[in-house]
Amino acid sequence: MADPELERVNGIALMAVQALLGLISSDVIAVAVAAEGERVLLSFWVHRHTPEIDEDLVDVIGDLEAFLHPDDPLIESRVVVGAPEVAATRPHERMIYWAKSSTRIALR
């Protein structure tokens, strides 16, 4: 018999991946999701925090809310400039996206 909490967290992670489709710009280094109780946290690590990142976050959260309805957990987000450090990730945080290359070449 499967653990219901594990299935719930896996379902939230899957829905977060679905919500991200088409919304990962070249500024995004990594994305993680954490589900604790009635709270979902989306963490974005970016090369630079731009208005487009904020717009994408609004879209992702809106889609995730729709996917998770009627459960309606509180969905929060954080944006961190720089690459993620494993030691800095929160407990139960699952990486759902990591760019193939976290280095970026600036075009001048």
Protein backbone atom coordinates (compact mmCIF):
# COMPACT_ATOMS: atom_id res chain seq x y z
CA MET A 1 0.00 0.00 0.00
CA ALA A 2 1.44 3.37 -1.03
CA ASP A 3 2.01 6.19 1.44
CA PRO A 4 -0.80 8.76 0.86
CA GLU A 5 1.43 11.71 1.84
CA LEU A 6 4.14 10.60 -0.59
CA GLU A 7 1.55 10.24 -3.36
CA ARG A 8 0.23 13.74 -2.55
CA VAL A 9 3.70 15.29 -2.69
CA ASN A 10 4.52 13.44 -5.90
CA GLY A 11 1.26 14.68 -7.42
CA ILE A 12 2.05 18.28 -6.46
CA ALA A 13 5.54 17.97 -7.95
CA LEU A 14 4.06 16.56 -11.18
CA MET A 15 1.51 19.38 -11.39
CA ALA A 16 4.26 21.96 -10.78
CA VAL A 17 6.25 20.51 -13.70
CA GLN A 18 3.11 20.73 -15.85
CA ALA A 19 2.56 24.36 -14.79
CA LEU A 20 6.15 25.23 -15.76
CA LEU A 21 5.84 23.98 -19.34
CA GLY A 22 6.72 26.77 -21.73
CA LEU A 23 7.58 29.21 -18.95
CA ILE A 24 11.24 28.47 -18.26
CA SER A 25 13.30 31.30 -19.69
CA SER A 26 17.04 31.32 -20.27
CA ASP A 27 17.44 33.25 -17.00
CA VAL A 28 16.17 30.29 -14.94
CA ILE A 29 18.87 28.04 -13.52
CA ALA A 30 16.75 25.70 -11.39
CA VAL A 31 13.29 25.23 -9.90
CA ALA A 32 12.26 23.26 -6.82
CA VAL A 33 8.94 22.55 -5.16
CA ALA A 34 8.24 21.79 -1.52
CA ALA A 35 4.88 20.66 -0.14
CA GLU A 36 4.44 20.91 3.60
CA GLY A 37 0.96 20.57 4.99
CA GLU A 38 -1.34 23.03 3.25
CA ARG A 39 1.57 25.07 1.87
CA VAL A 40 3.41 24.73 -1.44
CA LEU A 41 6.66 26.61 -2.02
CA LEU A 42 8.10 27.15 -5.49
CA SER A 43 11.77 28.15 -5.45
CA PHE A 44 13.42 29.66 -8.52
CA TRP A 45 17.15 30.21 -8.91
CA VAL A 46 17.89 32.70 -11.68
CA HIS A 47 20.80 34.44 -13.38
CA ARG A 48 19.01 37.75 -12.89
CA HIS A 49 15.63 38.73 -11.45
CA THR A 50 13.65 40.39 -14.23
CA PRO A 51 10.03 41.51 -14.66
CA GLU A 52 9.60 38.55 -17.03
CA ILE A 53 10.55 36.17 -14.20
CA ASP A 54 7.85 37.77 -12.03
CA GLU A 55 5.29 37.47 -14.84
CA ASP A 56 6.17 33.80 -15.34
CA LEU A 57 5.81 33.20 -11.59
CA VAL A 58 2.30 34.64 -11.64
CA ASP A 59 1.42 32.35 -14.57
CA VAL A 60 2.94 29.26 -12.91
CA ILE A 61 1.14 29.92 -9.63
CA GLY A 62 -2.16 30.48 -11.44
CA ASP A 63 -1.82 27.25 -13.40
CA LEU A 64 -0.76 25.31 -10.30
CA GLU A 65 -3.75 26.65 -8.35
CA ALA A 66 -6.03 25.45 -11.15
CA PHE A 67 -4.38 22.02 -11.25
CA LEU A 68 -4.63 21.59 -7.48
CA HIS A 69 -8.24 22.77 -7.17
CA PRO A 70 -10.27 22.02 -5.01
CA ASP A 71 -7.47 21.43 -2.46
CA ASP A 72 -6.42 25.09 -2.73
CA PRO A 73 -3.12 25.01 -0.82
CA LEU A 74 -1.31 28.27 -0.11
CA ILE A 75 1.21 28.62 -2.95
CA GLU A 76 4.21 30.81 -2.25
CA SER A 77 7.33 31.53 -4.26
CA ARG A 78 10.86 32.71 -3.75
CA VAL A 79 13.42 33.90 -6.26
CA VAL A 80 17.12 33.57 -5.55
CA VAL A 81 19.76 35.13 -7.80
CA GLY A 82 22.55 32.62 -8.30
CA ALA A 83 22.94 28.87 -8.53
CA PRO A 84 21.33 26.65 -5.91
CA GLU A 85 23.47 25.09 -3.23
CA VAL A 86 22.36 21.69 -2.02
CA ALA A 87 22.92 22.72 1.60
CA ALA A 88 20.65 25.75 1.13
CA THR A 89 17.62 23.80 -0.11
CA ARG A 90 14.84 23.29 2.37
CA PRO A 91 13.83 19.92 3.78
CA HIS A 92 11.41 18.10 1.47
CA GLU A 93 12.30 20.41 -1.41
CA ARG A 94 12.41 18.57 -4.74
CA MET A 95 14.32 19.84 -7.71
CA ILE A 96 12.03 19.66 -10.72
CA TYR A 97 14.19 21.58 -13.19
CA TRP A 98 17.91 22.24 -13.47
CA ALA A 99 19.39 23.83 -16.59
CA LYS A 100 21.90 21.69 -18.44
CA SER A 101 24.45 24.43 -18.04
CA SER A 102 24.30 26.87 -15.15
CA THR A 103 26.86 29.13 -16.80
CA ARG A 104 25.64 31.77 -19.15
CA ILE A 105 27.58 33.63 -21.79
CA ALA A 106 26.78 37.32 -21.88
CA LEU A 107 26.44 38.70 -25.39
CA ARG A 108 27.84 42.19 -25.72
